[in-house]
Amino acid sequence: KEGSLRTASCVARGQVFVGELFCSQEDVALLTQAVQSIRFVGTHRSRGLGSVRCSATQFSVGNVQAASLAPAHVIRYRLENLLPLVITDLSRSHANGFASRDYIPGTAVRGMVLSDLAQQQPEWFEEHKVELLTGTCFLDAVPCPADWKPLPPLMGFYGEKGKDDLTSVLTDDVAGKKRVNLGTCCQPDGEVLHSWRGETGGAMRIARQNDQRKDALPFQVQYLEKGQSFTGYILLGDTELAPNVAKVLSGDVWLGADRHSGFGRCHVAECTALEQPDWMDYSYGSQDEIGQELYLLTVTPLGLVNQWGEPCGLSGELLSKKLGVPVTITACSTSLREFSGFNRTWQCRLQHQRMYDRGSIFRLYCETSPSREAVEQLQRGGLGVRRAEGYGQ
């Protein structure tokens, strides 16, 4: 009621709170004075609450020596987020809630690497700009243990509630069983399939500066919890680019949104040169014989368009051209999602592209066994659109 007594919960006096500010060297003196000038914090200041004393101590982050990497076709990198990480998923966000992806998109890593190269090595960047933008693929970094060789969450597995036995829709009857979600990534170990999922959290905010509404608008922000490890790959068309890319992937880097609000600080824990991505260990080896039945797995989202530029599905006709033999898709287990992006040159969002999600799998039957060269070429070159952005693997 109007004028009734109220209680307010507050922090007891005498407690000490410590935080960190990251800034350029020329702003240190200004921020030090600004911090020391703070006298009151919080609400009910006119009622004797919120009096504080603030001090600032300068410390410098030690220079981390950049990784020395030899020319390579593939770079495997591992990031550990020291702070919560905001990776907004626009397809699942709405007016008063921003959803987060449970992995770090390759496009986010791509933007960070290319931006740093353009600032730190402008002449070298201009010389190799075309190859970096069109011939280099930055793949998603997925949360998983450091020693894993992760695969995307394989689709098509079904099981019964309370039981660990799984059945694949590509090989068995799954009537009466429930589809199993394998999280963000998985790793096979014999007949056991281990799965992993990224941990997300959330916070409530208030948009006080809102042009459309005069009152404060609360909204929910979701983020990746700190302390997780993310493994990703960079596929290089020109092996000579690897040493310069590795110089950026060292020490601490900043990713995602809301970096000025205490989000997005990550540490590069690993940067290794490889001849091929780790998931190739699950494909045909040099001693394996390629038969007539193949399984095609989408390691990254796969989007296809027809001759009129309209989205279309994967067809046996397209695979026949790629493999050089008549191919029929006999079974599949897929999921569709829409992916977008942002063009910094034109300052606009890219059109949403509907794609097969990571982990979609197809069983193929070839009238005759395809050549090893054709299969390897399909794996190296990929399929579909926006392959320079990491799609289509």
Protein backbone atom coordinates (compact mmCIF):
# COMPACT_ATOMS: atom_id res chain seq x y z
CA LYS A 1 0.00 0.00 0.00
CA GLU A 2 0.99 3.62 -0.43
CA GLY A 3 3.07 4.73 2.55
CA SER A 4 3.46 1.25 4.07
CA LEU A 5 6.66 0.11 5.79
CA ARG A 6 9.19 -1.71 3.65
CA THR A 7 12.40 -3.70 4.17
CA ALA A 8 15.46 -3.56 1.95
CA SER A 9 18.15 -6.24 1.77
CA CYS A 10 21.68 -4.84 1.55
CA VAL A 11 25.35 -5.88 1.76
CA ALA A 12 26.81 -5.58 5.28
CA ARG A 13 29.55 -2.99 5.67
CA GLY A 14 33.22 -3.90 5.92
CA GLN A 15 33.30 -6.32 2.99
CA VAL A 16 35.89 -6.05 0.23
CA PHE A 17 35.13 -6.62 -3.46
CA VAL A 18 37.83 -7.00 -6.12
CA GLY A 19 37.40 -6.67 -9.87
CA GLU A 20 39.50 -6.19 -12.99
CA LEU A 21 39.53 -3.53 -15.71
CA PHE A 22 41.27 -4.16 -19.03
CA CYS A 23 42.24 -1.12 -21.08
CA SER A 24 44.93 0.35 -23.32
CA GLN A 25 48.01 1.85 -21.67
CA GLU A 26 47.04 5.47 -22.43
CA ASP A 27 43.74 5.07 -20.53
CA VAL A 28 45.25 3.71 -17.28
CA ALA A 29 45.63 7.10 -15.57
CA LEU A 30 42.10 8.20 -16.52
CA LEU A 31 40.48 5.00 -15.28
CA THR A 32 42.52 5.05 -12.05
CA GLN A 33 41.20 8.53 -11.25
CA ALA A 34 37.66 7.51 -12.22
CA VAL A 35 37.71 4.49 -9.90
CA GLN A 36 39.10 6.52 -6.98
CA SER A 37 36.38 9.15 -7.44
CA ILE A 38 33.53 6.70 -6.78
CA ARG A 39 31.89 7.56 -3.44
CA PHE A 40 28.49 5.82 -3.51
CA VAL A 41 27.19 2.64 -5.15
CA GLY A 42 23.71 1.16 -5.40
CA THR A 43 20.31 2.48 -4.30
CA HIS A 44 19.02 4.27 -1.16
CA ARG A 45 22.05 6.56 -1.20
CA SER A 46 20.05 9.43 0.31
CA ARG A 47 19.13 7.17 3.25
CA GLY A 48 22.70 6.50 4.36
CA LEU A 49 23.43 3.38 2.31
CA GLY A 50 26.04 2.71 -0.37
CA SER A 51 29.04 4.69 0.91
CA VAL A 52 32.23 3.05 -0.46
CA ARG A 53 35.97 3.71 -0.74
CA CYS A 54 37.60 2.55 -4.01
CA SER A 55 41.24 2.13 -4.89
CA ALA A 56 43.02 0.97 -8.03
CA THR A 57 46.26 -0.94 -8.44
CA GLN A 58 47.92 -1.19 -11.80
CA PHE A 59 49.22 -4.53 -13.00
CA SER A 60 50.44 -5.57 -16.42
CA VAL A 61 49.65 -8.82 -18.15
CA GLY A 62 52.88 -10.65 -18.96
CA ASN A 63 53.84 -10.85 -22.59
CA VAL A 64 53.03 -14.30 -23.93
CA GLN A 65 55.36 -15.51 -26.63
CA ALA A 66 53.46 -16.28 -29.80
CA ALA A 67 53.33 -19.90 -30.88
CA SER A 68 55.97 -20.77 -33.48
CA LEU A 69 54.18 -22.88 -36.06
CA ALA A 70 55.54 -24.48 -39.22
CA PRO A 71 53.57 -24.25 -42.50
CA ALA A 72 50.60 -26.63 -42.27
CA HIS A 73 47.31 -27.53 -43.91
CA VAL A 74 45.38 -27.62 -40.61
CA ILE A 75 45.63 -25.76 -37.31
CA ARG A 76 44.02 -27.29 -34.24
CA TYR A 77 43.37 -24.72 -31.51
CA ARG A 78 41.89 -24.96 -28.03
CA LEU A 79 40.35 -22.05 -26.14
CA GLU A 80 39.57 -21.83 -22.42
CA ASN A 81 37.12 -19.07 -21.53
CA LEU A 82 38.32 -17.22 -18.42
CA LEU A 83 35.09 -15.20 -18.31
CA PRO A 84 31.52 -16.01 -19.36
CA LEU A 85 31.14 -15.89 -23.13
CA VAL A 86 28.15 -14.35 -24.96
CA ILE A 87 27.55 -16.02 -28.34
CA THR A 88 24.06 -14.89 -29.33
CA ASP A 89 21.87 -17.25 -31.36
CA LEU A 90 19.56 -14.88 -33.26
CA SER A 91 17.39 -17.71 -34.59
CA ARG A 92 16.29 -18.59 -31.02
CA SER A 93 16.31 -15.07 -29.53
CA HIS A 94 13.28 -12.82 -29.08
CA ALA A 95 12.40 -9.33 -27.89
CA ASN A 96 13.11 -9.84 -24.19
CA GLY A 97 15.52 -12.77 -24.26
CA PHE A 98 18.80 -13.47 -26.05
CA ALA A 99 19.65 -17.18 -26.40
CA SER A 100 23.25 -18.37 -26.64
CA ARG A 101 24.89 -21.07 -28.71
CA ASP A 102 26.58 -23.85 -26.74
CA TYR A 103 29.74 -23.64 -28.89
CA ILE A 104 31.94 -20.92 -30.42
CA PRO A 105 31.07 -20.42 -34.11
CA GLY A 106 33.96 -20.48 -36.56
CA THR A 107 32.79 -17.11 -37.89
CA ALA A 108 33.50 -15.54 -34.47
CA VAL A 109 37.06 -16.91 -34.46
CA ARG A 110 37.46 -15.87 -38.09
CA GLY A 111 36.47 -12.28 -37.35
CA MET A 112 38.83 -12.08 -34.37
CA VAL A 113 41.83 -13.52 -36.27
CA LEU A 114 41.37 -11.43 -39.42
CA SER A 115 40.77 -8.25 -37.44
CA ASP A 116 43.96 -8.73 -35.41
CA LEU A 117 45.98 -9.56 -38.53
CA ALA A 118 44.72 -6.42 -40.25
CA GLN A 119 45.76 -4.28 -37.26
CA GLN A 120 49.05 -5.95 -36.32
CA GLN A 121 50.36 -6.85 -39.79
CA PRO A 122 48.55 -4.51 -42.24
CA GLU A 123 50.97 -4.91 -45.16
CA TRP A 124 51.07 -8.72 -44.89
CA PHE A 125 47.27 -8.80 -44.50
CA GLU A 126 46.69 -6.78 -47.69
CA GLU A 127 49.03 -9.07 -49.61
CA HIS A 128 47.25 -12.27 -48.46
CA LYS A 129 43.75 -10.87 -47.98
CA VAL A 130 42.09 -12.81 -50.80
CA GLU A 131 43.48 -16.17 -49.67
CA LEU A 132 42.52 -15.48 -46.04
CA LEU A 133 38.95 -14.55 -46.98
CA THR A 134 38.24 -17.19 -49.61
CA GLY A 135 40.70 -20.07 -49.16
CA THR A 136 40.80 -20.42 -45.36
CA CYS A 137 38.03 -22.19 -43.42
CA PHE A 138 37.50 -21.45 -39.73
CA LEU A 139 35.47 -24.26 -38.17
CA ASP A 140 33.38 -24.16 -35.00
CA ALA A 141 35.10 -24.66 -31.65
CA VAL A 142 33.08 -27.17 -29.61
CA PRO A 143 33.24 -27.76 -25.84
CA CYS A 144 34.93 -31.05 -25.00
CA PRO A 145 37.77 -32.48 -22.87
CA ALA A 146 41.25 -31.44 -23.97
CA ASP A 147 42.29 -34.94 -25.13
CA TRP A 148 39.21 -35.59 -27.27
CA LYS A 149 39.05 -35.88 -31.05
CA PRO A 150 35.47 -34.67 -31.22
CA LEU A 151 32.78 -35.46 -33.76
CA PRO A 152 29.50 -33.51 -34.07
CA PRO A 153 26.52 -35.06 -32.24
CA LEU A 154 25.64 -38.01 -34.46
CA MET A 155 21.95 -38.06 -35.36
CA GLY A 156 19.75 -41.07 -35.84
CA PHE A 157 20.27 -42.78 -32.49
CA TYR A 158 17.22 -43.95 -30.55
CA GLY A 159 16.84 -45.62 -27.18
CA GLU A 160 14.47 -46.49 -24.37
CA LYS A 161 14.13 -44.41 -21.23
CA GLY A 162 16.45 -45.51 -18.43
CA LYS A 163 18.57 -47.74 -20.69
CA ASP A 164 22.03 -47.11 -22.16
CA ASP A 165 21.60 -49.22 -25.30
CA LEU A 166 21.23 -47.17 -28.49
CA THR A 167 19.89 -48.14 -31.90
CA SER A 168 20.54 -46.33 -35.19
CA VAL A 169 17.63 -45.55 -37.49
CA LEU A 170 19.99 -46.12 -40.44
CA THR A 171 20.39 -49.81 -39.67
CA ASP A 172 17.59 -51.00 -37.34
CA ASP A 173 13.90 -50.60 -36.57
CA VAL A 174 13.38 -47.85 -33.96
CA ALA A 175 9.60 -48.05 -33.60
CA GLY A 176 8.49 -47.12 -30.07
CA LYS A 177 11.86 -45.66 -29.10
CA LYS A 178 12.81 -42.06 -28.34
CA ARG A 179 15.38 -40.01 -30.21
CA VAL A 180 18.59 -39.52 -28.21
CA ASN A 181 20.27 -36.10 -28.01
CA LEU A 182 24.07 -36.43 -27.89
CA GLY A 183 24.70 -32.84 -26.77
CA THR A 184 27.21 -30.60 -28.56
CA CYS A 185 29.78 -33.20 -29.62
CA CYS A 186 30.63 -36.86 -29.14
CA GLN A 187 33.51 -39.32 -29.38
CA PRO A 188 33.20 -43.05 -30.18
CA ASP A 189 35.19 -45.53 -28.16
CA GLY A 190 34.59 -49.01 -29.52
CA GLU A 191 30.92 -49.75 -28.97
CA VAL A 192 30.55 -46.89 -26.47
CA LEU A 193 29.59 -43.37 -27.55
CA HIS A 194 30.64 -40.55 -25.18
CA SER A 195 28.81 -37.22 -25.47
CA TRP A 196 29.51 -33.72 -24.15
CA ARG A 197 27.45 -30.57 -23.80
CA GLY A 198 28.41 -26.92 -23.26
CA GLU A 199 27.26 -25.35 -19.98
CA THR A 200 25.18 -22.20 -20.28
CA GLY A 201 23.96 -19.70 -17.68
CA GLY A 202 21.86 -16.56 -17.70
CA ALA A 203 21.41 -13.13 -16.18
CA MET A 204 18.56 -10.62 -16.03
CA ARG A 205 19.20 -7.09 -17.27
CA ILE A 206 17.24 -3.88 -17.62
CA ALA A 207 17.39 -1.77 -20.79
CA ARG A 208 17.13 1.71 -19.26
CA GLN A 209 17.98 3.52 -22.50
CA ASN A 210 15.12 2.41 -24.69
CA ASP A 211 13.91 4.75 -27.44
CA GLN A 212 10.63 2.95 -28.05
CA ARG A 213 9.51 2.71 -24.42
CA LYS A 214 9.91 5.21 -21.63
CA ASP A 215 9.93 2.64 -18.86
CA ALA A 216 12.77 0.19 -18.16
CA LEU A 217 12.56 -3.05 -20.14
CA PRO A 218 13.91 -6.22 -18.46
CA PHE A 219 15.39 -8.93 -20.66
CA GLN A 220 17.26 -12.21 -20.21
CA VAL A 221 20.81 -12.78 -21.53
CA GLN A 222 22.20 -16.31 -21.87
CA TYR A 223 25.93 -17.04 -21.98
CA LEU A 224 28.49 -19.85 -21.90
CA GLU A 225 29.73 -20.44 -18.37
CA LYS A 226 33.40 -19.71 -17.72
CA GLY A 227 36.02 -22.44 -17.24
CA GLN A 228 35.20 -24.54 -20.31
CA SER A 229 37.53 -25.86 -23.01
CA PHE A 230 36.67 -25.48 -26.71
CA THR A 231 38.44 -27.31 -29.56
CA GLY A 232 38.32 -26.08 -33.16
CA TYR A 233 40.15 -26.31 -36.49
CA ILE A 234 41.35 -23.95 -39.21
CA LEU A 235 41.74 -25.40 -42.71
CA LEU A 236 44.33 -23.53 -44.79
CA GLY A 237 44.44 -23.51 -48.57
CA ASP A 238 47.92 -21.92 -48.44
CA THR A 239 50.14 -23.63 -45.87
CA GLU A 240 52.42 -20.57 -45.64
CA LEU A 241 49.65 -18.66 -43.81
CA ALA A 242 49.86 -20.90 -40.73
CA PRO A 243 52.76 -19.14 -38.90
CA ASN A 244 51.08 -15.72 -39.09
CA VAL A 245 47.67 -17.04 -38.04
CA ALA A 246 49.34 -18.79 -35.07
CA LYS A 247 50.79 -15.46 -33.89
CA VAL A 248 47.25 -14.20 -33.30
CA LEU A 249 46.17 -17.44 -31.58
CA SER A 250 48.38 -16.99 -28.52
CA GLY A 251 47.90 -15.66 -25.00
CA ASP A 252 44.53 -14.08 -24.19
CA VAL A 253 41.97 -13.23 -26.87
CA TRP A 254 38.49 -11.65 -26.71
CA LEU A 255 35.45 -13.17 -28.41
CA GLY A 256 31.69 -12.76 -28.57
CA ALA A 257 29.43 -9.88 -27.59
CA ASP A 258 29.33 -7.59 -24.53
CA ARG A 259 33.11 -7.54 -24.18
CA HIS A 260 32.89 -4.13 -22.51
CA SER A 261 30.56 -5.61 -19.87
CA GLY A 262 32.93 -8.27 -18.54
CA PHE A 263 32.39 -11.08 -21.03
CA GLY A 264 34.49 -12.84 -23.66
CA ARG A 265 38.03 -13.19 -22.32
CA CYS A 266 39.57 -16.50 -23.47
CA HIS A 267 43.00 -18.09 -23.24
CA VAL A 268 44.59 -20.00 -26.12
CA ALA A 269 45.70 -23.23 -24.43
CA GLU A 270 46.77 -25.06 -27.58
CA CYS A 271 47.76 -24.21 -31.16
CA THR A 272 49.05 -27.21 -33.11
CA ALA A 273 49.87 -27.88 -36.76
CA LEU A 274 48.28 -30.99 -38.31
CA GLU A 275 48.23 -32.60 -41.73
CA GLN A 276 44.51 -33.30 -41.50
CA PRO A 277 41.66 -32.72 -38.99
CA ASP A 278 41.29 -35.25 -36.19
CA TRP A 279 37.90 -36.44 -37.44
CA MET A 280 39.69 -37.95 -40.46
CA ASP A 281 40.84 -40.69 -38.07
CA TYR A 282 37.28 -42.04 -38.28
CA SER A 283 37.22 -42.06 -42.09
CA TYR A 284 38.87 -44.43 -44.59
CA GLY A 285 42.56 -45.03 -44.01
CA SER A 286 45.18 -45.86 -46.60
CA GLN A 287 44.76 -49.60 -45.91
CA ASP A 288 40.93 -49.60 -45.91
CA GLU A 289 38.99 -50.76 -48.95
CA ILE A 290 36.17 -48.46 -50.09
CA GLY A 291 33.00 -50.44 -50.74
CA GLN A 292 29.65 -49.67 -52.35
CA GLU A 293 27.95 -48.54 -49.12
CA LEU A 294 29.18 -45.24 -47.63
CA TYR A 295 28.12 -43.01 -44.75
CA LEU A 296 28.35 -39.25 -45.23
CA LEU A 297 28.48 -37.13 -42.04
CA THR A 298 28.13 -33.34 -41.94
CA VAL A 299 30.95 -32.16 -39.68
CA THR A 300 29.81 -28.54 -40.08
CA PRO A 301 26.42 -27.15 -41.19
CA LEU A 302 25.78 -27.91 -44.87
CA GLY A 303 23.69 -25.60 -47.07
CA LEU A 304 22.84 -26.32 -50.71
CA VAL A 305 21.16 -24.18 -53.40
CA ASN A 306 19.80 -25.11 -56.82
CA GLN A 307 20.48 -23.43 -60.16
CA TRP A 308 18.08 -20.60 -59.26
CA GLY A 309 19.80 -19.92 -55.94
CA GLU A 310 16.99 -21.40 -53.85
CA PRO A 311 17.70 -23.71 -50.86
CA CYS A 312 17.48 -27.40 -51.74
CA GLY A 313 18.29 -30.78 -50.21
CA LEU A 314 21.18 -33.16 -50.82
CA SER A 315 20.50 -35.32 -53.87
CA GLY A 316 21.97 -38.48 -55.32
CA GLU A 317 22.54 -36.61 -58.58
CA LEU A 318 24.90 -34.13 -56.89
CA LEU A 319 26.78 -36.90 -55.09
CA SER A 320 27.07 -38.86 -58.33
CA LYS A 321 28.86 -35.90 -59.94
CA LYS A 322 31.21 -35.56 -56.98
CA LEU A 323 32.04 -39.27 -56.63
CA GLY A 324 32.02 -40.14 -60.33
CA VAL A 325 29.64 -43.12 -59.93
CA PRO A 326 25.82 -43.45 -59.71
CA VAL A 327 24.80 -42.83 -56.09
CA THR A 328 21.49 -43.36 -54.26
CA ILE A 329 20.63 -42.04 -50.77
CA THR A 330 19.05 -45.06 -49.09
CA ALA A 331 18.52 -43.60 -45.58
CA CYS A 332 19.29 -40.48 -43.60
CA SER A 333 18.80 -38.76 -40.26
CA THR A 334 18.95 -34.96 -40.42
CA SER A 335 17.99 -31.75 -38.70
CA LEU A 336 17.55 -28.31 -40.28
CA ARG A 337 18.58 -24.94 -38.84
CA GLU A 338 18.86 -21.41 -40.16
CA PHE A 339 22.22 -19.65 -40.11
CA SER A 340 22.95 -15.99 -40.73
CA GLY A 341 25.91 -13.63 -40.38
CA PHE A 342 27.02 -10.02 -40.65
CA ASN A 343 28.81 -8.26 -43.51
CA ARG A 344 31.09 -5.60 -42.03
CA THR A 345 31.84 -4.09 -45.44
CA TRP A 346 28.20 -3.32 -46.17
CA GLN A 347 27.18 -3.07 -42.49
CA CYS A 348 24.19 -5.39 -42.87
CA ARG A 349 23.08 -8.86 -41.85
CA LEU A 350 23.36 -11.73 -44.30
CA GLN A 351 20.26 -13.50 -45.50
CA HIS A 352 19.25 -16.49 -43.38
CA GLN A 353 20.37 -19.75 -44.99
CA ARG A 354 18.64 -23.01 -44.15
CA MET A 355 21.18 -25.81 -43.73
CA TYR A 356 21.56 -29.37 -42.53
CA ASP A 357 22.81 -29.10 -38.96
CA ARG A 358 26.08 -30.57 -37.68
CA GLY A 359 25.79 -34.32 -37.18
CA SER A 360 23.31 -35.02 -40.00
CA ILE A 361 24.18 -38.39 -41.54
CA PHE A 362 23.33 -40.07 -44.86
CA ARG A 363 23.69 -43.69 -45.95
CA LEU A 364 24.72 -43.92 -49.59
CA TYR A 365 24.70 -46.81 -52.04
CA CYS A 366 27.02 -46.67 -55.05
CA GLU A 367 26.48 -48.91 -58.07
CA THR A 368 30.24 -49.36 -58.18
CA SER A 369 32.84 -48.48 -55.58
CA PRO A 370 34.09 -44.87 -56.00
CA SER A 371 37.78 -44.16 -56.29
CA ARG A 372 39.74 -43.14 -53.22
CA GLU A 373 40.73 -39.90 -54.97
CA ALA A 374 37.07 -38.92 -55.45
CA VAL A 375 36.20 -39.61 -51.80
CA GLU A 376 39.24 -37.69 -50.54
CA GLN A 377 38.47 -34.78 -52.87
CA LEU A 378 34.90 -34.61 -51.53
CA GLN A 379 36.22 -34.54 -47.95
CA ARG A 380 38.82 -31.85 -48.71
CA GLY A 381 36.64 -29.59 -50.85
CA GLY A 382 33.32 -29.95 -49.05
CA LEU A 383 29.84 -29.25 -50.40
CA GLY A 384 27.41 -26.39 -50.69
CA VAL A 385 27.61 -22.65 -50.06
CA ARG A 386 29.73 -20.40 -47.78
CA ARG A 387 32.54 -22.92 -47.50
CA ALA A 388 35.07 -20.14 -46.88
CA GLU A 389 33.16 -19.43 -43.63
CA GLY A 390 33.58 -23.02 -42.44
CA TYR A 391 30.32 -24.53 -43.71
CA GLY A 392 29.96 -27.60 -45.90
CA GLN A 393 32.59 -29.93 -44.40
